[in-house]
PDB file of all heavy atoms in Angstrom:
ATOM      1  N   LEU A   1     -80.694 -82.206 -46.398  1.00  0.00           N
ATOM      2  CA  LEU A   1     -79.537 -82.716 -45.657  1.00  0.00           C
ATOM      3  C   LEU A   1     -79.895 -82.987 -44.202  1.00  0.00           C
ATOM      4  O   LEU A   1     -79.529 -84.031 -43.648  1.00  0.00           O
ATOM      5  CB  LEU A   1     -78.370 -81.728 -45.729  1.00  0.00           C
ATOM      6  CG  LEU A   1     -77.152 -82.071 -44.875  1.00  0.00           C
ATOM      7  CD1 LEU A   1     -76.456 -83.302 -45.437  1.00  0.00           C
ATOM      8  CD2 LEU A   1     -76.209 -80.914 -44.793  1.00  0.00           C
ATOM      9  N   LEU A   2     -80.604 -82.062 -43.579  1.00  0.00           N
ATOM     10  CA  LEU A   2     -80.969 -82.239 -42.175  1.00  0.00           C
ATOM     11  C   LEU A   2     -81.883 -83.446 -41.978  1.00  0.00           C
ATOM     12  O   LEU A   2     -81.763 -84.173 -40.997  1.00  0.00           O
ATOM     13  CB  LEU A   2     -81.637 -80.978 -41.637  1.00  0.00           C
ATOM     14  CG  LEU A   2     -80.728 -79.780 -41.437  1.00  0.00           C
ATOM     15  CD1 LEU A   2     -81.543 -78.569 -41.015  1.00  0.00           C
ATOM     16  CD2 LEU A   2     -79.648 -80.072 -40.434  1.00  0.00           C
ATOM     17  N   ILE A   3     -82.784 -83.664 -42.919  1.00  0.00           N
ATOM     18  CA  ILE A   3     -83.713 -84.788 -42.795  1.00  0.00           C
ATOM     19  C   ILE A   3     -83.019 -86.117 -43.064  1.00  0.00           C
ATOM     20  O   ILE A   3     -83.297 -87.115 -42.417  1.00  0.00           O
ATOM     21  CB  ILE A   3     -84.919 -84.588 -43.746  1.00  0.00           C
ATOM     22  CG1 ILE A   3     -85.757 -83.408 -43.242  1.00  0.00           C
ATOM     23  CG2 ILE A   3     -85.768 -85.837 -43.832  1.00  0.00           C
ATOM     24  CD1 ILE A   3     -86.854 -82.995 -44.190  1.00  0.00           C
ATOM     25  N   SER A   4     -82.080 -86.133 -44.009  1.00  0.00           N
ATOM     26  CA  SER A   4     -81.463 -87.395 -44.414  1.00  0.00           C
ATOM     27  C   SER A   4     -80.341 -87.852 -43.485  1.00  0.00           C
ATOM     28  O   SER A   4     -79.973 -89.019 -43.506  1.00  0.00           O
ATOM     29  CB  SER A   4     -80.919 -87.277 -45.840  1.00  0.00           C
ATOM     30  OG  SER A   4     -79.840 -86.369 -45.865  1.00  0.00           O
ATOM     31  N   SER A   5     -79.791 -86.973 -42.683  1.00  0.00           N
ATOM     32  CA  SER A   5     -78.630 -87.348 -41.875  1.00  0.00           C
ATOM     33  C   SER A   5     -78.889 -87.104 -40.390  1.00  0.00           C
ATOM     34  O   SER A   5     -79.123 -85.964 -39.982  1.00  0.00           O
ATOM     35  CB  SER A   5     -77.418 -86.530 -42.320  1.00  0.00           C
ATOM     36  OG  SER A   5     -76.348 -86.752 -41.450  1.00  0.00           O
ATOM     37  N   PRO A   6     -78.825 -88.149 -39.580  1.00  0.00           N
ATOM     38  CA  PRO A   6     -78.987 -87.934 -38.142  1.00  0.00           C
ATOM     39  C   PRO A   6     -77.830 -87.141 -37.551  1.00  0.00           C
ATOM     40  O   PRO A   6     -78.005 -86.415 -36.580  1.00  0.00           O
ATOM     41  CB  PRO A   6     -79.040 -89.341 -37.560  1.00  0.00           C
ATOM     42  CG  PRO A   6     -78.425 -90.219 -38.593  1.00  0.00           C
ATOM     43  CD  PRO A   6     -78.657 -89.553 -39.917  1.00  0.00           C
ATOM     44  N   TYR A   7     -76.637 -87.239 -38.164  1.00  0.00           N
ATOM     45  CA  TYR A   7     -75.500 -86.461 -37.683  1.00  0.00           C
ATOM     46  C   TYR A   7     -75.773 -84.969 -37.802  1.00  0.00           C
ATOM     47  O   TYR A   7     -75.425 -84.200 -36.911  1.00  0.00           O
ATOM     48  CB  TYR A   7     -74.229 -86.792 -38.468  1.00  0.00           C
ATOM     49  CG  TYR A   7     -73.713 -88.193 -38.252  1.00  0.00           C
ATOM     50  CD1 TYR A   7     -73.652 -89.087 -39.297  1.00  0.00           C
ATOM     51  CD2 TYR A   7     -73.285 -88.601 -37.007  1.00  0.00           C
ATOM     52  CE1 TYR A   7     -73.166 -90.375 -39.109  1.00  0.00           C
ATOM     53  CE2 TYR A   7     -72.801 -89.875 -36.799  1.00  0.00           C
ATOM     54  CZ  TYR A   7     -72.747 -90.764 -37.850  1.00  0.00           C
ATOM     55  OH  TYR A   7     -72.270 -92.025 -37.643  1.00  0.00           O
ATOM     56  N   ALA A   8     -76.376 -84.579 -38.901  1.00  0.00           N
ATOM     57  CA  ALA A   8     -76.641 -83.159 -39.134  1.00  0.00           C
ATOM     58  C   ALA A   8     -77.647 -82.618 -38.121  1.00  0.00           C
ATOM     59  O   ALA A   8     -77.455 -81.530 -37.557  1.00  0.00           O
ATOM     60  CB  ALA A   8     -77.136 -82.931 -40.557  1.00  0.00           C
ATOM     61  N   ILE A   9     -78.700 -83.352 -37.876  1.00  0.00           N
ATOM     62  CA  ILE A   9     -79.724 -82.896 -36.930  1.00  0.00           C
ATOM     63  C   ILE A   9     -79.144 -82.785 -35.522  1.00  0.00           C
ATOM     64  O   ILE A   9     -79.349 -81.795 -34.821  1.00  0.00           O
ATOM     65  CB  ILE A   9     -80.941 -83.848 -36.938  1.00  0.00           C
ATOM     66  CG1 ILE A   9     -81.646 -83.762 -38.289  1.00  0.00           C
ATOM     67  CG2 ILE A   9     -81.906 -83.510 -35.817  1.00  0.00           C
ATOM     68  CD1 ILE A   9     -82.744 -84.782 -38.475  1.00  0.00           C
ATOM     69  N   ILE A  10     -78.405 -83.791 -35.103  1.00  0.00           N
ATOM     70  CA  ILE A  10     -77.808 -83.778 -33.768  1.00  0.00           C
ATOM     71  C   ILE A  10     -76.781 -82.657 -33.649  1.00  0.00           C
ATOM     72  O   ILE A  10     -76.730 -81.958 -32.637  1.00  0.00           O
ATOM     73  CB  ILE A  10     -77.183 -85.155 -33.453  1.00  0.00           C
ATOM     74  CG1 ILE A  10     -78.290 -86.196 -33.309  1.00  0.00           C
ATOM     75  CG2 ILE A  10     -76.318 -85.103 -32.202  1.00  0.00           C
ATOM     76  CD1 ILE A  10     -77.806 -87.620 -33.265  1.00  0.00           C
ATOM     77  N   THR A  11     -75.981 -82.475 -34.685  1.00  0.00           N
ATOM     78  CA  THR A  11     -74.965 -81.422 -34.654  1.00  0.00           C
ATOM     79  C   THR A  11     -75.595 -80.045 -34.554  1.00  0.00           C
ATOM     80  O   THR A  11     -75.141 -79.201 -33.778  1.00  0.00           O
ATOM     81  CB  THR A  11     -74.054 -81.507 -35.902  1.00  0.00           C
ATOM     82  OG1 THR A  11     -73.454 -82.793 -35.932  1.00  0.00           O
ATOM     83  CG2 THR A  11     -72.982 -80.445 -35.870  1.00  0.00           C
ATOM     84  N   VAL A  12     -76.654 -79.806 -35.307  1.00  0.00           N
ATOM     85  CA  VAL A  12     -77.323 -78.499 -35.241  1.00  0.00           C
ATOM     86  C   VAL A  12     -77.963 -78.291 -33.864  1.00  0.00           C
ATOM     87  O   VAL A  12     -77.877 -77.200 -33.286  1.00  0.00           O
ATOM     88  CB  VAL A  12     -78.370 -78.363 -36.372  1.00  0.00           C
ATOM     89  CG1 VAL A  12     -79.257 -77.150 -36.164  1.00  0.00           C
ATOM     90  CG2 VAL A  12     -77.668 -78.276 -37.718  1.00  0.00           C
ATOM     91  N   ALA A  13     -78.568 -79.335 -33.313  1.00  0.00           N
ATOM     92  CA  ALA A  13     -79.195 -79.199 -31.995  1.00  0.00           C
ATOM     93  C   ALA A  13     -78.154 -78.910 -30.914  1.00  0.00           C
ATOM     94  O   ALA A  13     -78.328 -78.022 -30.077  1.00  0.00           O
ATOM     95  CB  ALA A  13     -79.970 -80.469 -31.662  1.00  0.00           C
ATOM     96  N   VAL A  14     -77.045 -79.639 -30.936  1.00  0.00           N
ATOM     97  CA  VAL A  14     -76.005 -79.422 -29.935  1.00  0.00           C
ATOM     98  C   VAL A  14     -75.278 -78.100 -30.183  1.00  0.00           C
ATOM     99  O   VAL A  14     -74.869 -77.424 -29.238  1.00  0.00           O
ATOM    100  CB  VAL A  14     -75.025 -80.621 -29.901  1.00  0.00           C
ATOM    101  CG1 VAL A  14     -73.892 -80.392 -28.932  1.00  0.00           C
ATOM    102  CG2 VAL A  14     -75.775 -81.892 -29.530  1.00  0.00           C
ATOM    103  N   ALA A  15     -75.162 -77.696 -31.454  1.00  0.00           N
ATOM    104  CA  ALA A  15     -74.561 -76.392 -31.773  1.00  0.00           C
ATOM    105  C   ALA A  15     -75.413 -75.263 -31.203  1.00  0.00           C
ATOM    106  O   ALA A  15     -74.879 -74.259 -30.728  1.00  0.00           O
ATOM    107  CB  ALA A  15     -74.400 -76.225 -33.276  1.00  0.00           C
ATOM    108  N   TYR A  16     -76.730 -75.418 -31.230  1.00  0.00           N
ATOM    109  CA  TYR A  16     -77.602 -74.402 -30.643  1.00  0.00           C
ATOM    110  C   TYR A  16     -77.348 -74.303 -29.136  1.00  0.00           C
ATOM    111  O   TYR A  16     -77.237 -73.203 -28.590  1.00  0.00           O
ATOM    112  CB  TYR A  16     -79.072 -74.720 -30.911  1.00  0.00           C
ATOM    113  CG  TYR A  16     -79.993 -73.742 -30.233  1.00  0.00           C
ATOM    114  CD1 TYR A  16     -80.234 -72.497 -30.796  1.00  0.00           C
ATOM    115  CD2 TYR A  16     -80.597 -74.037 -29.015  1.00  0.00           C
ATOM    116  CE1 TYR A  16     -81.056 -71.580 -30.168  1.00  0.00           C
ATOM    117  CE2 TYR A  16     -81.407 -73.125 -28.383  1.00  0.00           C
ATOM    118  CZ  TYR A  16     -81.638 -71.904 -28.962  1.00  0.00           C
ATOM    119  OH  TYR A  16     -82.440 -70.995 -28.324  1.00  0.00           O
ATOM    120  N   ILE A  17     -77.240 -75.434 -28.470  1.00  0.00           N
ATOM    121  CA  ILE A  17     -76.977 -75.430 -27.026  1.00  0.00           C
ATOM    122  C   ILE A  17     -75.625 -74.791 -26.733  1.00  0.00           C
ATOM    123  O   ILE A  17     -75.492 -73.961 -25.829  1.00  0.00           O
ATOM    124  CB  ILE A  17     -77.048 -76.869 -26.470  1.00  0.00           C
ATOM    125  CG1 ILE A  17     -78.470 -77.407 -26.589  1.00  0.00           C
ATOM    126  CG2 ILE A  17     -76.560 -76.926 -25.029  1.00  0.00           C
ATOM    127  CD1 ILE A  17     -78.600 -78.893 -26.350  1.00  0.00           C
ATOM    128  N   SER A  18     -74.621 -75.159 -27.507  1.00  0.00           N
ATOM    129  CA  SER A  18     -73.295 -74.596 -27.318  1.00  0.00           C
ATOM    130  C   SER A  18     -73.286 -73.094 -27.586  1.00  0.00           C
ATOM    131  O   SER A  18     -72.703 -72.319 -26.823  1.00  0.00           O
ATOM    132  CB  SER A  18     -72.302 -75.292 -28.240  1.00  0.00           C
ATOM    133  OG  SER A  18     -71.031 -74.706 -28.133  1.00  0.00           O
ATOM    134  N   GLY A  19     -73.917 -72.688 -28.672  1.00  0.00           N
ATOM    135  CA  GLY A  19     -73.992 -71.260 -28.987  1.00  0.00           C
ATOM    136  C   GLY A  19     -74.756 -70.485 -27.934  1.00  0.00           C
ATOM    137  O   GLY A  19     -74.399 -69.352 -27.592  1.00  0.00           O
ATOM    138  N   HIS A  20     -75.799 -71.095 -27.386  1.00  0.00           N
ATOM    139  CA  HIS A  20     -76.562 -70.455 -26.314  1.00  0.00           C
ATOM    140  C   HIS A  20     -75.683 -70.258 -25.081  1.00  0.00           C
ATOM    141  O   HIS A  20     -75.716 -69.212 -24.439  1.00  0.00           O
ATOM    142  CB  HIS A  20     -77.789 -71.300 -25.979  1.00  0.00           C
ATOM    143  CG  HIS A  20     -78.726 -70.652 -25.037  1.00  0.00           C
ATOM    144  ND1 HIS A  20     -79.552 -69.612 -25.411  1.00  0.00           N
ATOM    145  CD2 HIS A  20     -78.969 -70.867 -23.730  1.00  0.00           C
ATOM    146  CE1 HIS A  20     -80.261 -69.225 -24.369  1.00  0.00           C
ATOM    147  NE2 HIS A  20     -79.926 -69.981 -23.339  1.00  0.00           N
ATOM    148  N   LEU A  21     -74.866 -71.260 -24.762  1.00  0.00           N
ATOM    149  CA  LEU A  21     -73.967 -71.143 -23.628  1.00  0.00           C
ATOM    150  C   LEU A  21     -72.903 -70.083 -23.878  1.00  0.00           C
ATOM    151  O   LEU A  21     -72.574 -69.302 -22.982  1.00  0.00           O
ATOM    152  CB  LEU A  21     -73.319 -72.500 -23.326  1.00  0.00           C
ATOM    153  CG  LEU A  21     -72.428 -72.571 -22.094  1.00  0.00           C
ATOM    154  CD1 LEU A  21     -73.177 -72.126 -20.847  1.00  0.00           C
ATOM    155  CD2 LEU A  21     -71.906 -73.977 -21.909  1.00  0.00           C
ATOM    156  N   TRP A  22     -72.367 -70.019 -25.101  1.00  0.00           N
ATOM    157  CA  TRP A  22     -71.381 -68.975 -25.415  1.00  0.00           C
ATOM    158  C   TRP A  22     -71.991 -67.588 -25.322  1.00  0.00           C
ATOM    159  O   TRP A  22     -71.360 -66.657 -24.832  1.00  0.00           O
ATOM    160  CB  TRP A  22     -70.764 -69.184 -26.798  1.00  0.00           C
ATOM    161  CG  TRP A  22     -69.634 -70.156 -26.815  1.00  0.00           C
ATOM    162  CD1 TRP A  22     -69.548 -71.286 -27.554  1.00  0.00           C
ATOM    163  CD2 TRP A  22     -68.429 -70.099 -26.052  1.00  0.00           C
ATOM    164  NE1 TRP A  22     -68.375 -71.932 -27.290  1.00  0.00           N
ATOM    165  CE2 TRP A  22     -67.660 -71.229 -26.374  1.00  0.00           C
ATOM    166  CE3 TRP A  22     -67.910 -69.208 -25.118  1.00  0.00           C
ATOM    167  CZ2 TRP A  22     -66.421 -71.484 -25.809  1.00  0.00           C
ATOM    168  CZ3 TRP A  22     -66.672 -69.466 -24.552  1.00  0.00           C
ATOM    169  CH2 TRP A  22     -65.951 -70.582 -24.896  1.00  0.00           C
ATOM    170  N   THR A  23     -73.235 -67.422 -25.801  1.00  0.00           N
ATOM    171  CA  THR A  23     -73.856 -66.097 -25.691  1.00  0.00           C
ATOM    172  C   THR A  23     -74.086 -65.738 -24.232  1.00  0.00           C
ATOM    173  O   THR A  23     -73.952 -64.579 -23.855  1.00  0.00           O
ATOM    174  CB  THR A  23     -75.179 -66.014 -26.472  1.00  0.00           C
ATOM    175  OG1 THR A  23     -76.064 -67.033 -26.046  1.00  0.00           O
ATOM    176  CG2 THR A  23     -74.947 -66.122 -27.960  1.00  0.00           C
ATOM    177  N   TYR A  24     -74.422 -66.723 -23.408  1.00  0.00           N
ATOM    178  CA  TYR A  24     -74.553 -66.448 -21.980  1.00  0.00           C
ATOM    179  C   TYR A  24     -73.228 -65.957 -21.401  1.00  0.00           C
ATOM    180  O   TYR A  24     -73.181 -64.977 -20.662  1.00  0.00           O
ATOM    181  CB  TYR A  24     -75.028 -67.698 -21.226  1.00  0.00           C
ATOM    182  CG  TYR A  24     -74.933 -67.525 -19.734  1.00  0.00           C
ATOM    183  CD1 TYR A  24     -75.860 -66.744 -19.061  1.00  0.00           C
ATOM    184  CD2 TYR A  24     -73.899 -68.107 -19.007  1.00  0.00           C
ATOM    185  CE1 TYR A  24     -75.759 -66.560 -17.690  1.00  0.00           C
ATOM    186  CE2 TYR A  24     -73.796 -67.929 -17.642  1.00  0.00           C
ATOM    187  CZ  TYR A  24     -74.734 -67.154 -16.988  1.00  0.00           C
ATOM    188  OH  TYR A  24     -74.627 -66.959 -15.644  1.00  0.00           O
ATOM    189  N   ILE A  25     -72.141 -66.647 -21.740  1.00  0.00           N
ATOM    190  CA  ILE A  25     -70.825 -66.250 -21.237  1.00  0.00           C
ATOM    191  C   ILE A  25     -70.479 -64.841 -21.700  1.00  0.00           C
ATOM    192  O   ILE A  25     -70.031 -63.998 -20.914  1.00  0.00           O
ATOM    193  CB  ILE A  25     -69.743 -67.254 -21.695  1.00  0.00           C
ATOM    194  CG1 ILE A  25     -69.937 -68.613 -21.019  1.00  0.00           C
ATOM    195  CG2 ILE A  25     -68.345 -66.719 -21.414  1.00  0.00           C
ATOM    196  CD1 ILE A  25     -69.083 -69.723 -21.610  1.00  0.00           C
ATOM    197  N   ILE A  26     -70.711 -64.568 -22.966  1.00  0.00           N
ATOM    198  CA  ILE A  26     -70.365 -63.256 -23.523  1.00  0.00           C
ATOM    199  C   ILE A  26     -71.171 -62.154 -22.858  1.00  0.00           C
ATOM    200  O   ILE A  26     -70.622 -61.140 -22.415  1.00  0.00           O
ATOM    201  CB  ILE A  26     -70.580 -63.254 -25.049  1.00  0.00           C
ATOM    202  CG1 ILE A  26     -69.541 -64.144 -25.726  1.00  0.00           C
ATOM    203  CG2 ILE A  26     -70.504 -61.825 -25.601  1.00  0.00           C
ATOM    204  CD1 ILE A  26     -69.846 -64.435 -27.185  1.00  0.00           C
ATOM    205  N   PHE A  27     -72.490 -62.321 -22.785  1.00  0.00           N
ATOM    206  CA  PHE A  27     -73.324 -61.240 -22.272  1.00  0.00           C
ATOM    207  C   PHE A  27     -73.323 -61.141 -20.748  1.00  0.00           C
ATOM    208  O   PHE A  27     -73.522 -60.075 -20.190  1.00  0.00           O
ATOM    209  CB  PHE A  27     -74.755 -61.369 -22.792  1.00  0.00           C
ATOM    210  CG  PHE A  27     -74.853 -61.145 -24.267  1.00  0.00           C
ATOM    211  CD1 PHE A  27     -75.463 -62.070 -25.087  1.00  0.00           C
ATOM    212  CD2 PHE A  27     -74.310 -60.013 -24.852  1.00  0.00           C
ATOM    213  CE1 PHE A  27     -75.547 -61.867 -26.453  1.00  0.00           C
ATOM    214  CE2 PHE A  27     -74.379 -59.802 -26.212  1.00  0.00           C
ATOM    215  CZ  PHE A  27     -74.996 -60.733 -27.014  1.00  0.00           C
ATOM    216  N   ALA A  28     -73.082 -62.233 -20.054  1.00  0.00           N
ATOM    217  CA  ALA A  28     -73.072 -62.178 -18.594  1.00  0.00           C
ATOM    218  C   ALA A  28     -71.764 -61.634 -18.042  1.00  0.00           C
ATOM    219  O   ALA A  28     -71.749 -60.965 -17.013  1.00  0.00           O
ATOM    220  CB  ALA A  28     -73.344 -63.563 -18.018  1.00  0.00           C
ATOM    221  N   TYR A  29     -70.649 -61.905 -18.731  1.00  0.00           N
ATOM    222  CA  TYR A  29     -69.358 -61.566 -18.152  1.00  0.00           C
ATOM    223  C   TYR A  29     -68.549 -60.527 -18.932  1.00  0.00           C
ATOM    224  O   TYR A  29     -67.659 -59.916 -18.377  1.00  0.00           O
ATOM    225  CB  TYR A  29     -68.506 -62.830 -17.986  1.00  0.00           C
ATOM    226  CG  TYR A  29     -69.118 -63.807 -17.025  1.00  0.00           C
ATOM    227  CD1 TYR A  29     -69.677 -65.000 -17.462  1.00  0.00           C
ATOM    228  CD2 TYR A  29     -69.167 -63.525 -15.664  1.00  0.00           C
ATOM    229  CE1 TYR A  29     -70.243 -65.899 -16.580  1.00  0.00           C
ATOM    230  CE2 TYR A  29     -69.731 -64.414 -14.770  1.00  0.00           C
ATOM    231  CZ  TYR A  29     -70.273 -65.591 -15.235  1.00  0.00           C
ATOM    232  OH  TYR A  29     -70.840 -66.474 -14.358  1.00  0.00           O
ATOM    233  N   PHE A  30     -68.836 -60.343 -20.214  1.00  0.00           N
ATOM    234  CA  PHE A  30     -67.952 -59.483 -21.000  1.00  0.00           C
ATOM    235  C   PHE A  30     -68.641 -58.320 -21.713  1.00  0.00           C
ATOM    236  O   PHE A  30     -68.001 -57.320 -21.987  1.00  0.00           O
ATOM    237  CB  PHE A  30     -67.198 -60.316 -22.042  1.00  0.00           C
ATOM    238  CG  PHE A  30     -66.327 -61.367 -21.418  1.00  0.00           C
ATOM    239  CD1 PHE A  30     -66.661 -62.702 -21.499  1.00  0.00           C
ATOM    240  CD2 PHE A  30     -65.188 -61.012 -20.720  1.00  0.00           C
ATOM    241  CE1 PHE A  30     -65.875 -63.676 -20.919  1.00  0.00           C
ATOM    242  CE2 PHE A  30     -64.389 -61.981 -20.131  1.00  0.00           C
ATOM    243  CZ  PHE A  30     -64.733 -63.301 -20.233  1.00  0.00           C
ATOM    244  N   SER A  31     -69.887 -58.430 -22.059  1.00  0.00           N
ATOM    245  CA  SER A  31     -70.538 -57.394 -22.851  1.00  0.00           C
ATOM    246  C   SER A  31     -71.924 -57.113 -22.287  1.00  0.00           C
ATOM    247  O   SER A  31     -72.615 -58.013 -21.833  1.00  0.00           O
ATOM    248  CB  SER A  31     -70.671 -57.851 -24.307  1.00  0.00           C
ATOM    249  OG  SER A  31     -71.395 -56.917 -25.048  1.00  0.00           O
ATOM    250  N   LYS A  32     -72.323 -55.872 -22.348  1.00  0.00           N
ATOM    251  CA  LYS A  32     -73.655 -55.506 -21.864  1.00  0.00           C
ATOM    252  C   LYS A  32     -74.628 -55.224 -23.003  1.00  0.00           C
ATOM    253  O   LYS A  32     -75.757 -54.849 -22.778  1.00  0.00           O
ATOM    254  CB  LYS A  32     -73.560 -54.264 -20.958  1.00  0.00           C
ATOM    255  CG  LYS A  32     -72.716 -54.502 -19.727  1.00  0.00           C
ATOM    256  CD  LYS A  32     -73.240 -55.662 -18.915  1.00  0.00           C
ATOM    257  CE  LYS A  32     -72.346 -55.941 -17.728  1.00  0.00           C
ATOM    258  NZ  LYS A  32     -72.502 -57.258 -17.194  1.00  0.00           N
ATOM    259  N   ARG A  33     -74.173 -55.389 -24.261  1.00  0.00           N
ATOM    260  CA  ARG A  33     -75.066 -55.168 -25.398  1.00  0.00           C
ATOM    261  C   ARG A  33     -76.096 -56.278 -25.455  1.00  0.00           C
ATOM    262  O   ARG A  33     -75.782 -57.446 -25.301  1.00  0.00           O
ATOM    263  CB  ARG A  33     -74.271 -55.125 -26.697  1.00  0.00           C
ATOM    264  CG  ARG A  33     -73.438 -53.881 -26.794  1.00  0.00           C
ATOM    265  CD  ARG A  33     -72.640 -53.778 -28.047  1.00  0.00           C
ATOM    266  NE  ARG A  33     -73.210 -54.492 -29.177  1.00  0.00           N
ATOM    267  CZ  ARG A  33     -72.540 -54.814 -30.258  1.00  0.00           C
ATOM    268  NH1 ARG A  33     -71.285 -54.493 -30.350  1.00  0.00           N
ATOM    269  NH2 ARG A  33     -73.122 -55.451 -31.245  1.00  0.00           N
ATOM    270  N   GLU A  34     -77.319 -55.905 -25.682  1.00  0.00           N
ATOM    271  CA  GLU A  34     -78.393 -56.896 -25.682  1.00  0.00           C
ATOM    272  C   GLU A  34     -78.799 -57.337 -27.085  1.00  0.00           C
ATOM    273  O   GLU A  34     -79.110 -58.480 -27.303  1.00  0.00           O
ATOM    274  CB  GLU A  34     -79.620 -56.330 -24.955  1.00  0.00           C
ATOM    275  CG  GLU A  34     -79.372 -56.065 -23.485  1.00  0.00           C
ATOM    276  CD  GLU A  34     -79.139 -57.342 -22.704  1.00  0.00           C
ATOM    277  OE1 GLU A  34     -79.769 -58.358 -23.020  1.00  0.00           O
ATOM    278  OE2 GLU A  34     -78.322 -57.335 -21.783  1.00  0.00           O
ATOM    279  N   LYS A  35     -78.842 -56.438 -28.051  1.00  0.00           N
ATOM    280  CA  LYS A  35     -79.347 -56.766 -29.381  1.00  0.00           C
ATOM    281  C   LYS A  35     -78.200 -57.022 -30.348  1.00  0.00           C
ATOM    282  O   LYS A  35     -77.563 -56.099 -30.820  1.00  0.00           O
ATOM    283  CB  LYS A  35     -80.221 -55.617 -29.915  1.00  0.00           C
ATOM    284  CG  LYS A  35     -81.564 -55.520 -29.266  1.00  0.00           C
ATOM    285  CD  LYS A  35     -82.392 -56.691 -29.692  1.00  0.00           C
ATOM    286  CE  LYS A  35     -83.805 -56.563 -29.158  1.00  0.00           C
ATOM    287  NZ  LYS A  35     -84.600 -57.710 -29.483  1.00  0.00           N
TER     288      LYS A  35
END
């Protein structure tokens, strides 16, 4: 699916960026747990 659809690849790549930003928000401002 990832190879056959450019939408899937782009969505997963942007989802990683978004998830990375959410984890930054969570760990920088709300939680001190690291693992």
